[in-house]
Amino acid sequence: MLLVTAVEPSAQNLAAGRTLYVDKCSGCHNLHMPAEHTPEEWKGYVAYMTSEAKITPEEAQAISRYLAATSARGRGMASSGNAGAGGR
């Protein structure tokens, strides 16, 4: 049996995701606090905004990882560490 454990994103990766979130998203609208939405909701929002905001898949993944991890922490949930930019 293969056991897969969640890995916390590094502080450096989260900082990069936060920087992208601020730089790429605040130009068009007010930023939301990560805890305003669940990690799953963030994945959907980021997936939708990827084409709207003209961000690369790698940027979307970093932003999604940051938002999902900080949302989970703000809600007292364990972070999955692998929050991709999947659709809703």
Protein backbone atom coordinates (compact mmCIF):
# COMPACT_ATOMS: atom_id res chain seq x y z
CA MET A 1 0.00 0.00 0.00
CA LEU A 2 1.34 3.43 -0.99
CA LEU A 3 0.84 6.18 1.55
CA VAL A 4 0.98 9.72 0.18
CA THR A 5 1.43 12.46 2.73
CA ALA A 6 0.73 16.13 2.24
CA VAL A 7 3.78 18.34 2.10
CA GLU A 8 3.53 21.89 3.38
CA PRO A 9 4.53 24.43 0.76
CA SER A 10 7.78 26.17 1.65
CA ALA A 11 7.78 29.71 2.95
CA GLN A 12 9.66 30.74 -0.19
CA ASN A 13 7.01 29.19 -2.48
CA LEU A 14 4.19 30.80 -0.50
CA ALA A 15 5.94 34.18 -0.63
CA ALA A 16 6.31 33.86 -4.40
CA GLY A 17 2.62 32.97 -4.71
CA ARG A 18 1.64 35.94 -2.57
CA THR A 19 3.76 38.30 -4.67
CA LEU A 20 2.11 37.01 -7.84
CA TYR A 21 -1.34 37.31 -6.28
CA VAL A 22 -0.71 40.94 -5.35
CA ASP A 23 1.01 41.85 -8.64
CA LYS A 24 -1.32 40.05 -11.03
CA CYS A 25 -4.69 40.42 -9.32
CA SER A 26 -4.71 43.85 -7.68
CA GLY A 27 -4.39 45.69 -11.00
CA CYS A 28 -8.02 44.90 -11.88
CA HIS A 29 -9.85 44.47 -8.57
CA ASN A 30 -9.54 44.61 -4.80
CA LEU A 31 -7.78 41.64 -3.27
CA HIS A 32 -9.67 39.25 -1.03
CA MET A 33 -8.29 37.89 2.21
CA PRO A 34 -7.42 34.22 1.69
CA ALA A 35 -9.70 33.10 4.54
CA GLU A 36 -12.72 34.63 2.75
CA HIS A 37 -12.94 31.47 0.62
CA THR A 38 -12.21 27.79 1.09
CA PRO A 39 -9.17 26.23 -0.56
CA GLU A 40 -11.49 24.52 -3.08
CA GLU A 41 -13.21 27.80 -3.92
CA TRP A 42 -9.85 29.46 -4.53
CA LYS A 43 -8.86 26.72 -6.97
CA GLY A 44 -11.95 27.46 -9.02
CA TYR A 45 -11.49 31.22 -8.91
CA VAL A 46 -7.85 31.01 -9.94
CA ALA A 47 -8.66 28.56 -12.73
CA TYR A 48 -11.29 30.96 -14.09
CA MET A 49 -9.04 34.00 -13.79
CA THR A 50 -6.04 32.32 -15.43
CA SER A 51 -7.20 33.26 -18.93
CA GLU A 52 -8.89 36.50 -17.83
CA ALA A 53 -5.73 37.79 -16.15
CA LYS A 54 -3.38 36.31 -18.74
CA ILE A 55 -1.28 34.46 -16.21
CA THR A 56 0.73 31.37 -17.01
CA PRO A 57 -0.24 27.96 -15.67
CA GLU A 58 2.83 28.06 -13.43
CA GLU A 59 1.82 31.45 -12.03
CA ALA A 60 -1.72 30.21 -11.51
CA GLN A 61 -0.43 27.18 -9.63
CA ALA A 62 1.74 29.35 -7.36
CA ILE A 63 -1.14 31.76 -6.67
CA SER A 64 -3.55 28.90 -6.04
CA ARG A 65 -1.10 27.17 -3.71
CA TYR A 66 -0.63 30.38 -1.71
CA LEU A 67 -4.36 31.11 -1.46
CA ALA A 68 -5.31 27.53 -0.61
CA ALA A 69 -2.60 27.15 2.04
CA THR A 70 -3.28 30.48 3.74
CA SER A 71 -7.04 29.97 3.49
CA ALA A 72 -6.72 26.60 5.17
CA ARG A 73 -4.53 28.03 7.93
CA GLY A 74 -6.92 30.94 8.45
CA ARG A 75 -9.76 28.47 8.87
CA GLY A 76 -7.79 26.15 11.17
CA MET A 77 -7.61 23.43 8.51
CA ALA A 78 -4.59 21.42 7.44
CA SER A 79 -3.18 22.58 4.12
CA SER A 80 -3.02 20.02 1.32
CA GLY A 81 0.24 21.46 0.01
CA ASN A 82 -0.62 20.58 -3.56
CA ALA A 83 -3.35 23.06 -4.41
CA GLY A 84 -3.25 23.24 -8.16
CA ALA A 85 -5.23 25.46 -10.46
CA GLY A 86 -7.88 22.87 -11.20
CA GLY A 87 -11.37 23.82 -12.24
CA ARG A 88 -14.47 23.85 -10.14
